[in-house]
Amino acid sequence: MHFKPYYLGCLAHASYLIGGSTGEAAVIDPRRDVDEYIADAQAAGLRITHVIETHLHADFVSGHLELARRTGATIHLGEGSGAAFPHHPARDGDEVDLGDVRLRFLQTPGHTPESVTVLAQVAGEDAPRMAFTGDTLFIGDVGRPDLVGGQGLTPEHMARTLFASLRHKILPLPDTTEVWPAHGAGSACGKSLSDERVSTIGREKALNPALRLVVAGDEEGFVRYATEGLGQAPGYFSHDARRNREGAVPVQELLDRAAPLPPARVEELSEDGVLVLDTRSVEDFGAGHVPGAIHVQLEGKFAPWVGSTVDPDAEIIVVADAGREVEAMTRLARVGFERIAGWLEGGMQAWRSAGGEVASIPQVPPSALRAAAEAGSTVLDVRAPDEWEAGHYPGAVHIPLSQLRDRLDEVPAGSLVVLCGSGYRSSIACSLLQRAGRRDVANLAGGWEAWQTHQAEARQRASV
């Protein structure tokens, strides 16, 4: 058996290549850009003949159609998906024979109606070695049951369905069976995922708080656990789920459409309403950017934050550090952004040389925060609710970044100092506020972490 896991940190997304003695292989839950799977299969002497989706994903656009087009593979998707493309509707007990390893499907609805778990049974072994659980069972958590409301299915109904799937399909698996989920820590498809990549059924029975409720037979407790404290799903999820159901164009086609745009053309398009997305560092963006640009730094959780702050149907011009334009556009495509006009040719240096107007966002050092607040600036905290509850600046206004675009009218008038945990999210917030017409906006450099460090150092100096 040949097995290779892949992990895309930006999306906290796991996918898998598994092949057998027939020389055939399957890819499970592929990301949208599929070159790596094809290259790795070829290097291992394998042909990709099967593409398996554990469910129709909402947090990214999958590469199932592109893989099928390029390899001739059959797409497998749980029965009743409503998918608009040719596929095999997987049912309980269906198998894919790869020679010395067989893949067997279990229908495990709950996260979505069509969710499946895929078991890998290696020849000569009595029990399934691996369970590819998709978003049914995570390490330390289970899939959220509230992402299919558009299909008329309530979170409570889906949570009860998930409970039944876990109790009757997952719990009977041997304790030694390995659990390989579709996501890890940081994914919005659950609420408390572990950052570990693999576990076992036995370990999850003992340590996973949701699965422990299933082991105990506590359906009501499980429903409460699964439906409470989920937070708002990112706005782009419904868009991506629709793209995955209907089918998306190849990434290379999107890249081929994009073009290098001279500063004059960028200015013209921007004035016509095309959105400029700046992917450079917080410091570089603060020092100077195209007026009205939205900022999401390419490092970090780039794609999810773009998805949470930009309309998926928006036409976009990318500003990137030299040599990173294709990376930025590929990562946009992964979460369903397809209207990419191109990128600013020559970057901000070319923009400045052409005499383009330059906007900026001051970076306020932690040592100056108190003085700014006492001088009348509003401190706007855009961290998540749990971060806010753990501690915040006295008198600050709290609007989580994921909600800011819809709550701009709640931001107090006057000068603002915006903070988050590290300065990453607050820079995004500053750009949203600037684009909405706010001019006196500053970013707290280093965020809450830097402020806490400054406070601790000040206390230490005072005690000497």
Protein backbone atom coordinates (compact mmCIF):
# COMPACT_ATOMS: atom_id res chain seq x y z
CA MET A 1 0.00 0.00 0.00
CA HIS A 2 1.16 3.52 -0.82
CA PHE A 3 -0.18 6.28 1.42
CA LYS A 4 0.57 9.98 1.57
CA PRO A 5 -1.27 12.61 3.63
CA TYR A 6 -1.33 16.30 2.66
CA TYR A 7 -2.08 19.24 4.92
CA LEU A 8 -2.85 22.78 3.79
CA GLY A 9 -2.31 24.95 6.85
CA CYS A 10 -4.05 28.05 5.50
CA LEU A 11 -7.32 26.13 5.29
CA ALA A 12 -6.53 23.56 8.01
CA HIS A 13 -7.42 21.04 5.30
CA ALA A 14 -6.23 17.45 5.03
CA SER A 15 -6.34 15.31 1.90
CA TYR A 16 -4.94 11.91 1.08
CA LEU A 17 -3.43 9.80 -1.70
CA ILE A 18 -3.77 6.04 -1.27
CA GLY A 19 -2.70 3.41 -3.78
CA GLY A 20 -2.42 -0.34 -4.00
CA SER A 21 -0.85 -3.27 -5.79
CA THR A 22 -3.03 -2.84 -8.89
CA GLY A 23 -1.14 0.37 -9.64
CA GLU A 24 -4.33 2.34 -9.10
CA ALA A 25 -4.84 5.09 -6.55
CA ALA A 26 -7.54 7.23 -4.98
CA VAL A 27 -7.36 10.82 -3.81
CA ILE A 28 -9.62 11.68 -0.89
CA ASP A 29 -10.92 15.25 -0.43
CA PRO A 30 -8.51 16.95 -2.87
CA ARG A 31 -7.83 20.67 -2.75
CA ARG A 32 -8.56 22.70 -5.87
CA ASP A 33 -5.02 22.85 -7.27
CA VAL A 34 -4.26 19.20 -8.02
CA ASP A 35 -0.80 19.13 -9.65
CA GLU A 36 0.88 17.74 -6.53
CA TYR A 37 -1.39 14.68 -6.34
CA ILE A 38 -0.79 13.87 -10.00
CA ALA A 39 2.98 14.29 -9.71
CA ASP A 40 3.21 12.20 -6.54
CA ALA A 41 1.08 9.41 -8.01
CA GLN A 42 3.25 9.29 -11.12
CA ALA A 43 6.42 9.24 -9.02
CA ALA A 44 5.04 6.24 -7.11
CA GLY A 45 4.09 4.44 -10.32
CA LEU A 46 0.38 4.88 -9.68
CA ARG A 47 -2.59 5.99 -11.79
CA ILE A 48 -5.28 8.04 -10.09
CA THR A 49 -8.48 6.18 -10.97
CA HIS A 50 -10.75 7.30 -8.14
CA VAL A 51 -11.52 10.66 -6.53
CA ILE A 52 -13.47 10.44 -3.28
CA GLU A 53 -15.31 13.30 -1.65
CA THR A 54 -16.36 12.56 1.92
CA HIS A 55 -18.98 15.30 1.44
CA LEU A 56 -19.61 18.50 -0.51
CA HIS A 57 -17.21 20.87 1.19
CA ALA A 58 -18.21 24.41 2.13
CA ASP A 59 -14.91 25.89 3.30
CA PHE A 60 -12.96 25.40 0.08
CA VAL A 61 -13.51 24.57 -3.58
CA SER A 62 -12.45 20.99 -4.15
CA GLY A 63 -10.34 19.62 -6.99
CA HIS A 64 -12.54 16.60 -7.71
CA LEU A 65 -13.64 17.74 -11.16
CA GLU A 66 -10.19 18.84 -12.28
CA LEU A 67 -8.64 15.57 -11.13
CA ALA A 68 -11.33 13.62 -12.95
CA ARG A 69 -10.82 15.65 -16.13
CA ARG A 70 -7.06 15.23 -16.09
CA THR A 71 -6.86 11.56 -15.06
CA GLY A 72 -10.15 10.02 -16.18
CA ALA A 73 -10.86 9.04 -12.58
CA THR A 74 -14.32 8.20 -11.27
CA ILE A 75 -15.72 10.62 -8.69
CA HIS A 76 -17.36 9.02 -5.64
CA LEU A 77 -19.75 11.08 -3.53
CA GLY A 78 -22.33 10.06 -0.96
CA GLU A 79 -25.78 9.15 -2.23
CA GLY A 80 -28.29 12.00 -2.39
CA SER A 81 -25.76 14.78 -2.86
CA GLY A 82 -27.65 16.49 -5.68
CA ALA A 83 -24.34 17.02 -7.48
CA ALA A 84 -24.66 18.21 -11.07
CA PHE A 85 -21.64 16.31 -12.43
CA PRO A 86 -21.13 12.61 -13.27
CA HIS A 87 -20.27 10.60 -10.15
CA HIS A 88 -20.82 7.31 -8.39
CA PRO A 89 -23.37 7.74 -5.57
CA ALA A 90 -21.65 5.86 -2.74
CA ARG A 91 -23.75 3.66 -0.46
CA ASP A 92 -23.02 1.56 2.60
CA GLY A 93 -20.75 -1.33 1.71
CA ASP A 94 -19.62 -0.05 -1.70
CA GLU A 95 -15.96 -0.80 -2.30
CA VAL A 96 -13.03 0.39 -4.36
CA ASP A 97 -10.51 -2.40 -5.00
CA LEU A 98 -6.90 -1.22 -5.20
CA GLY A 99 -5.37 -4.69 -4.84
CA ASP A 100 -3.68 -5.02 -1.46
CA VAL A 101 -5.99 -2.39 -0.03
CA ARG A 102 -9.75 -2.04 -0.32
CA LEU A 103 -11.70 1.14 0.37
CA ARG A 104 -15.16 0.61 1.83
CA PHE A 105 -17.83 3.29 2.19
CA LEU A 106 -19.97 3.96 5.24
CA GLN A 107 -22.80 6.48 4.93
CA THR A 108 -22.38 8.80 7.92
CA PRO A 109 -24.75 11.77 7.44
CA GLY A 110 -24.94 14.55 10.00
CA HIS A 111 -22.44 17.21 9.06
CA THR A 112 -24.10 17.08 5.64
CA PRO A 113 -26.75 14.67 4.33
CA GLU A 114 -24.35 12.98 1.89
CA SER A 115 -21.37 12.58 4.24
CA VAL A 116 -19.47 9.30 4.06
CA THR A 117 -16.59 7.71 5.95
CA VAL A 118 -14.10 5.65 3.96
CA LEU A 119 -12.43 2.61 5.54
CA ALA A 120 -9.09 1.31 4.28
CA GLN A 121 -8.75 -2.47 4.72
CA VAL A 122 -5.24 -3.77 4.05
CA ALA A 123 -4.89 -7.34 2.77
CA GLY A 124 -4.01 -9.81 5.52
CA GLU A 125 -5.32 -7.59 8.34
CA ASP A 126 -8.49 -8.40 10.27
CA ALA A 127 -9.62 -4.84 10.97
CA PRO A 128 -9.75 -1.62 8.95
CA ARG A 129 -6.42 0.13 9.34
CA MET A 130 -7.71 3.63 8.56
CA ALA A 131 -10.96 5.57 8.65
CA PHE A 132 -11.09 8.71 6.51
CA THR A 133 -13.83 10.45 8.44
CA GLY A 134 -14.16 13.72 6.51
CA ASP A 135 -16.07 16.19 8.68
CA THR A 136 -18.05 13.50 10.52
CA LEU A 137 -15.41 12.91 13.19
CA PHE A 138 -12.49 15.22 13.86
CA ILE A 139 -9.69 14.74 16.34
CA GLY A 140 -11.17 16.21 19.50
CA ASP A 141 -14.46 17.27 17.92
CA VAL A 142 -17.21 16.48 15.41
CA GLY A 143 -18.46 18.32 12.34
CA ARG A 144 -20.81 21.24 12.88
CA PRO A 145 -24.43 20.43 11.96
CA ASP A 146 -25.57 23.91 10.93
CA LEU A 147 -24.17 24.34 7.41
CA VAL A 148 -27.09 22.92 5.41
CA GLY A 149 -29.87 25.25 6.52
CA GLY A 150 -30.46 26.20 2.90
CA GLN A 151 -31.71 22.66 2.34
CA GLY A 152 -34.37 23.10 5.03
CA LEU A 153 -32.54 20.95 7.58
CA THR A 154 -32.25 22.35 11.09
CA PRO A 155 -29.06 22.10 13.17
CA GLU A 156 -30.91 19.98 15.74
CA HIS A 157 -32.11 17.52 13.09
CA MET A 158 -28.62 17.21 11.64
CA ALA A 159 -27.07 16.84 15.10
CA ARG A 160 -29.39 13.91 15.84
CA THR A 161 -28.51 12.41 12.47
CA LEU A 162 -24.82 12.83 13.28
CA PHE A 163 -25.32 11.18 16.68
CA ALA A 164 -26.88 8.15 14.98
CA SER A 165 -24.05 7.94 12.44
CA LEU A 166 -21.40 8.08 15.13
CA ARG A 167 -23.17 5.59 17.38
CA HIS A 168 -24.06 3.01 14.75
CA LYS A 169 -21.27 3.40 12.17
CA ILE A 170 -18.20 4.84 13.91
CA LEU A 171 -18.31 3.40 17.45
CA PRO A 172 -18.40 -0.23 16.25
CA LEU A 173 -15.05 0.23 14.50
CA PRO A 174 -12.03 -1.32 16.28
CA ASP A 175 -10.25 0.91 18.78
CA THR A 176 -7.04 0.45 16.77
CA THR A 177 -8.46 1.93 13.55
CA GLU A 178 -6.71 5.18 12.72
CA VAL A 179 -8.78 8.35 12.30
CA TRP A 180 -7.74 10.62 9.42
CA PRO A 181 -10.15 13.62 9.24
CA ALA A 182 -10.53 16.33 6.60
CA HIS A 183 -9.62 19.22 8.93
CA GLY A 184 -7.50 20.25 11.89
CA ALA A 185 -7.28 23.13 14.34
CA GLY A 186 -8.36 26.46 12.91
CA SER A 187 -11.08 25.10 10.65
CA ALA A 188 -14.51 26.69 10.93
CA CYS A 189 -16.12 23.29 10.18
CA GLY A 190 -15.96 22.49 13.91
CA LYS A 191 -15.39 24.44 17.09
CA SER A 192 -12.55 22.77 19.03
CA LEU A 193 -10.47 20.70 16.64
CA SER A 194 -7.09 19.36 17.70
CA ASP A 195 -3.92 20.31 15.85
CA GLU A 196 -2.96 16.63 15.67
CA ARG A 197 -3.17 14.98 12.27
CA VAL A 198 -4.10 11.40 13.20
CA SER A 199 -5.73 9.59 16.10
CA THR A 200 -7.47 6.27 16.71
CA ILE A 201 -11.07 5.32 17.37
CA GLY A 202 -10.11 4.19 20.89
CA ARG A 203 -8.35 7.44 21.68
CA GLU A 204 -11.28 9.50 20.43
CA LYS A 205 -13.72 7.45 22.50
CA ALA A 206 -11.65 8.30 25.56
CA LEU A 207 -10.73 11.93 24.90
CA ASN A 208 -13.12 13.48 22.36
CA PRO A 209 -15.83 15.27 24.41
CA ALA A 210 -18.46 14.88 21.69
CA LEU A 211 -17.74 11.20 21.07
CA ARG A 212 -17.76 10.49 24.81
CA LEU A 213 -21.38 11.66 24.85
CA VAL A 214 -22.11 9.23 22.03
CA VAL A 215 -20.39 6.40 23.93
CA ALA A 216 -22.58 7.24 26.94
CA GLY A 217 -25.71 7.21 24.78
CA ASP A 218 -26.49 10.81 25.77
CA GLU A 219 -28.24 12.04 22.62
CA GLU A 220 -29.68 15.18 24.23
CA GLY A 221 -26.30 16.14 25.66
CA PHE A 222 -24.69 15.53 22.29
CA VAL A 223 -27.25 17.71 20.51
CA ARG A 224 -26.59 20.54 22.97
CA TYR A 225 -22.84 20.15 22.57
CA ALA A 226 -23.00 20.03 18.77
CA THR A 227 -25.32 23.01 18.33
CA GLU A 228 -24.13 25.46 21.00
CA GLY A 229 -21.26 27.92 20.71
CA LEU A 230 -20.66 27.39 17.01
CA GLY A 231 -20.27 31.00 16.00
CA GLN A 232 -21.25 32.40 12.65
CA ALA A 233 -20.19 30.38 9.61
CA PRO A 234 -18.02 32.41 7.21
CA GLY A 235 -20.06 34.09 4.50
CA TYR A 236 -18.33 32.34 1.62
CA PHE A 237 -19.32 28.82 2.78
CA SER A 238 -22.62 28.76 0.88
CA HIS A 239 -20.86 30.03 -2.25
CA ASP A 240 -18.22 27.30 -2.10
CA ALA A 241 -20.73 24.56 -1.36
CA ARG A 242 -22.65 25.60 -4.46
CA ARG A 243 -19.47 25.62 -6.57
CA ASN A 244 -18.63 22.12 -5.37
CA ARG A 245 -22.11 20.86 -6.19
CA GLU A 246 -22.27 22.52 -9.62
CA GLY A 247 -18.62 22.26 -10.62
CA ALA A 248 -15.75 24.74 -10.85
CA VAL A 249 -13.37 25.61 -13.68
CA PRO A 250 -9.71 24.49 -13.56
CA VAL A 251 -7.32 26.69 -11.60
CA GLN A 252 -5.03 27.11 -14.59
CA GLU A 253 -7.91 28.56 -16.59
CA LEU A 254 -8.38 31.23 -13.92
CA LEU A 255 -4.67 32.00 -13.89
CA ASP A 256 -4.57 32.23 -17.68
CA ARG A 257 -7.38 34.81 -17.63
CA ALA A 258 -5.50 37.07 -15.20
CA ALA A 259 -3.06 39.62 -16.61
CA PRO A 260 -0.37 42.01 -15.38
CA LEU A 261 -2.03 45.41 -15.12
CA PRO A 262 -0.08 48.69 -15.34
CA PRO A 263 -0.81 51.29 -12.64
CA ALA A 264 -2.97 53.44 -14.93
CA ARG A 265 -5.22 50.47 -15.70
CA VAL A 266 -5.45 49.51 -12.02
CA GLU A 267 -6.49 53.07 -11.18
CA GLU A 268 -9.10 53.00 -13.92
CA LEU A 269 -10.55 49.66 -12.84
CA SER A 270 -10.50 50.64 -9.18
CA GLU A 271 -12.51 53.77 -9.97
CA ASP A 272 -15.00 51.52 -11.79
CA GLY A 273 -15.51 49.45 -8.63
CA VAL A 274 -13.03 46.60 -9.07
CA LEU A 275 -11.65 45.67 -5.65
CA VAL A 276 -7.91 45.93 -5.00
CA LEU A 277 -6.73 43.17 -2.65
CA ASP A 278 -3.33 43.84 -1.10
CA THR A 279 -1.58 40.68 0.15
CA ARG A 280 1.67 42.19 1.43
CA SER A 281 2.75 42.38 5.07
CA VAL A 282 0.93 44.44 7.67
CA GLU A 283 3.89 46.83 7.85
CA ASP A 284 4.19 47.30 4.09
CA PHE A 285 0.46 47.83 3.68
CA GLY A 286 0.41 50.34 6.52
CA ALA A 287 3.31 52.26 4.97
CA GLY A 288 1.49 52.76 1.68
CA HIS A 289 -1.22 51.19 -0.46
CA VAL A 290 -3.68 51.86 -3.26
CA PRO A 291 -6.58 53.90 -1.80
CA GLY A 292 -9.59 51.72 -1.06
CA ALA A 293 -7.60 48.47 -1.07
CA ILE A 294 -8.60 45.64 1.24
CA HIS A 295 -5.66 44.10 3.07
CA VAL A 296 -5.26 40.42 3.91
CA GLN A 297 -1.65 39.34 4.38
CA LEU A 298 -0.75 36.25 2.36
CA GLU A 299 0.82 34.56 5.36
CA GLY A 300 -1.57 33.24 8.00
CA LYS A 301 -5.22 32.33 7.43
CA PHE A 302 -5.31 34.26 4.17
CA ALA A 303 -8.04 32.42 2.28
CA PRO A 304 -10.59 32.14 5.11
CA TRP A 305 -10.21 35.82 5.98
CA VAL A 306 -10.60 36.89 2.38
CA GLY A 307 -13.70 34.72 2.27
CA SER A 308 -15.06 36.38 5.39
CA THR A 309 -14.43 39.98 4.32
CA VAL A 310 -14.81 40.06 0.52
CA ASP A 311 -17.85 39.20 -1.59
CA PRO A 312 -17.04 35.94 -3.45
CA ASP A 313 -18.48 37.44 -6.64
CA ALA A 314 -16.28 40.55 -6.47
CA GLU A 315 -13.88 41.28 -9.30
CA ILE A 316 -10.37 41.51 -7.85
CA ILE A 317 -6.97 43.00 -8.64
CA VAL A 318 -4.14 41.51 -6.59
CA VAL A 319 -1.24 43.48 -5.12
CA ALA A 320 1.55 41.13 -4.05
CA ASP A 321 5.24 41.02 -3.34
CA ALA A 322 7.24 40.31 -6.49
CA GLY A 323 7.04 36.64 -7.45
CA ARG A 324 4.04 35.86 -5.24
CA GLU A 325 1.25 36.91 -7.59
CA VAL A 326 0.42 33.37 -8.77
CA GLU A 327 0.49 32.08 -5.20
CA ALA A 328 -2.00 34.74 -4.14
CA MET A 329 -4.35 34.03 -7.05
CA THR A 330 -4.14 30.27 -6.49
CA ARG A 331 -5.03 30.68 -2.84
CA LEU A 332 -7.97 32.88 -3.81
CA ALA A 333 -9.17 30.18 -6.21
CA ARG A 334 -9.05 27.62 -3.41
CA VAL A 335 -11.91 29.39 -1.68
CA GLY A 336 -13.94 30.13 -4.79
CA PHE A 337 -12.76 33.58 -5.89
CA GLU A 338 -12.76 33.34 -9.67
CA ARG A 339 -13.17 36.89 -10.96
CA ILE A 340 -9.49 37.80 -10.79
CA ALA A 341 -8.74 40.53 -13.31
CA GLY A 342 -5.00 40.38 -12.72
CA TRP A 343 -2.29 41.91 -10.59
CA LEU A 344 -0.60 45.29 -10.20
CA GLU A 345 2.40 45.02 -12.50
CA GLY A 346 5.53 46.14 -10.70
CA GLY A 347 3.72 46.32 -7.36
CA MET A 348 3.57 49.40 -5.18
CA GLN A 349 6.94 50.61 -6.43
CA ALA A 350 5.47 50.96 -9.92
CA TRP A 351 2.34 52.59 -8.47
CA ARG A 352 4.40 55.23 -6.68
CA SER A 353 6.64 55.80 -9.71
CA ALA A 354 3.54 56.41 -11.83
CA GLY A 355 2.39 59.10 -9.41
CA GLY A 356 -0.53 57.12 -8.00
CA GLU A 357 -2.19 58.36 -4.83
CA VAL A 358 -0.98 56.47 -1.76
CA ALA A 359 -3.01 55.84 1.39
CA SER A 360 -1.49 54.68 4.68
CA ILE A 361 -2.43 53.31 8.09
CA PRO A 362 -0.36 54.40 11.10
CA GLN A 363 0.99 51.57 13.27
CA VAL A 364 0.53 52.62 16.89
CA PRO A 365 3.10 51.11 19.30
CA PRO A 366 1.66 49.54 22.47
CA SER A 367 3.35 52.22 24.56
CA ALA A 368 1.15 54.85 22.87
CA LEU A 369 -2.21 53.09 23.21
CA ARG A 370 -3.22 54.55 26.55
CA ALA A 371 -2.35 58.09 25.45
CA ALA A 372 -4.35 57.66 22.26
CA ALA A 373 -7.38 56.42 24.19
CA GLU A 374 -7.10 59.24 26.73
CA ALA A 375 -6.89 61.74 23.85
CA GLY A 376 -10.27 60.55 22.59
CA SER A 377 -9.55 57.69 20.20
CA THR A 378 -11.95 54.77 20.34
CA VAL A 379 -10.25 51.40 20.81
CA LEU A 380 -11.96 48.92 18.48
CA ASP A 381 -11.31 45.27 19.34
CA VAL A 382 -11.97 42.89 16.42
CA ARG A 383 -10.99 39.64 18.14
CA ALA A 384 -13.31 36.67 18.56
CA PRO A 385 -15.77 36.63 21.49
CA ASP A 386 -13.74 34.14 23.55
CA GLU A 387 -10.62 36.29 23.18
CA TRP A 388 -12.55 39.39 24.25
CA GLU A 389 -14.01 37.62 27.27
CA ALA A 390 -10.54 36.49 28.37
CA GLY A 391 -9.46 40.13 28.68
CA HIS A 392 -9.78 43.44 26.84
CA TYR A 393 -8.84 47.10 26.99
CA PRO A 394 -11.12 49.11 29.31
CA GLY A 395 -13.77 51.01 27.38
CA ALA A 396 -13.01 49.28 24.08
CA VAL A 397 -15.76 48.60 21.55
CA HIS A 398 -16.00 44.95 20.48
CA ILE A 399 -17.00 43.92 16.95
CA PRO A 400 -15.46 40.62 15.74
CA LEU A 401 -13.76 40.93 12.37
CA SER A 402 -16.05 38.27 10.92
CA GLN A 403 -18.99 40.63 11.58
CA LEU A 404 -17.39 43.99 10.86
CA ARG A 405 -18.40 44.28 7.21
CA ASP A 406 -22.07 44.02 8.23
CA ARG A 407 -21.74 46.24 11.32
CA LEU A 408 -19.74 49.20 10.05
CA ASP A 409 -22.53 51.56 11.08
CA GLU A 410 -21.97 50.55 14.73
CA VAL A 411 -18.37 51.80 14.77
CA PRO A 412 -18.22 55.09 16.72
CA ALA A 413 -17.33 58.27 14.87
CA GLY A 414 -13.96 59.90 15.39
CA SER A 415 -10.45 58.51 15.50
CA LEU A 416 -9.93 54.77 15.94
CA VAL A 417 -7.17 52.47 17.13
CA VAL A 418 -7.97 48.94 16.04
CA LEU A 419 -6.57 45.86 17.75
CA CYS A 420 -6.67 42.08 17.46
CA GLY A 421 -4.40 39.39 18.85
CA SER A 422 -1.29 40.12 16.79
CA GLY A 423 -2.05 42.96 14.36
CA TYR A 424 -3.04 40.68 11.45
CA ARG A 425 -6.84 40.86 11.72
CA SER A 426 -6.83 44.47 12.86
CA SER A 427 -5.01 45.46 9.66
CA ILE A 428 -7.81 43.81 7.68
CA ALA A 429 -10.31 45.75 9.78
CA CYS A 430 -8.47 49.03 9.21
CA SER A 431 -8.63 48.49 5.45
CA LEU A 432 -12.37 47.77 5.61
CA LEU A 433 -12.91 50.95 7.61
CA GLN A 434 -10.79 53.03 5.23
CA ARG A 435 -12.67 51.63 2.25
CA ALA A 436 -15.92 52.63 3.96
CA GLY A 437 -14.68 56.22 4.17
CA ARG A 438 -13.08 56.36 7.61
CA ARG A 439 -9.85 58.33 7.51
CA ASP A 440 -8.55 58.57 11.10
CA VAL A 441 -7.80 54.88 11.55
CA ALA A 442 -4.70 53.33 13.13
CA ASN A 443 -3.59 49.76 13.80
CA LEU A 444 -2.18 48.63 17.15
CA ALA A 445 1.21 47.16 16.21
CA GLY A 446 1.54 43.63 17.59
CA GLY A 447 -2.03 43.64 18.86
CA TRP A 448 -3.24 42.49 22.27
CA GLU A 449 -0.20 40.24 22.71
CA ALA A 450 2.14 43.22 22.38
CA TRP A 451 -0.04 45.31 24.70
CA GLN A 452 0.05 42.57 27.35
CA THR A 453 3.82 42.33 27.02
CA HIS A 454 4.13 46.11 27.35
CA GLN A 455 1.96 46.07 30.48
CA ALA A 456 4.00 43.27 32.04
CA GLU A 457 7.26 45.10 31.33
CA ALA A 458 5.84 48.31 32.80
CA ARG A 459 4.81 46.48 35.98
CA GLN A 460 8.24 44.89 36.22
CA ARG A 461 9.96 48.26 35.88
CA ALA A 462 7.68 49.75 38.52
CA SER A 463 8.51 46.99 40.98
CA VAL A 464 12.27 47.50 40.74
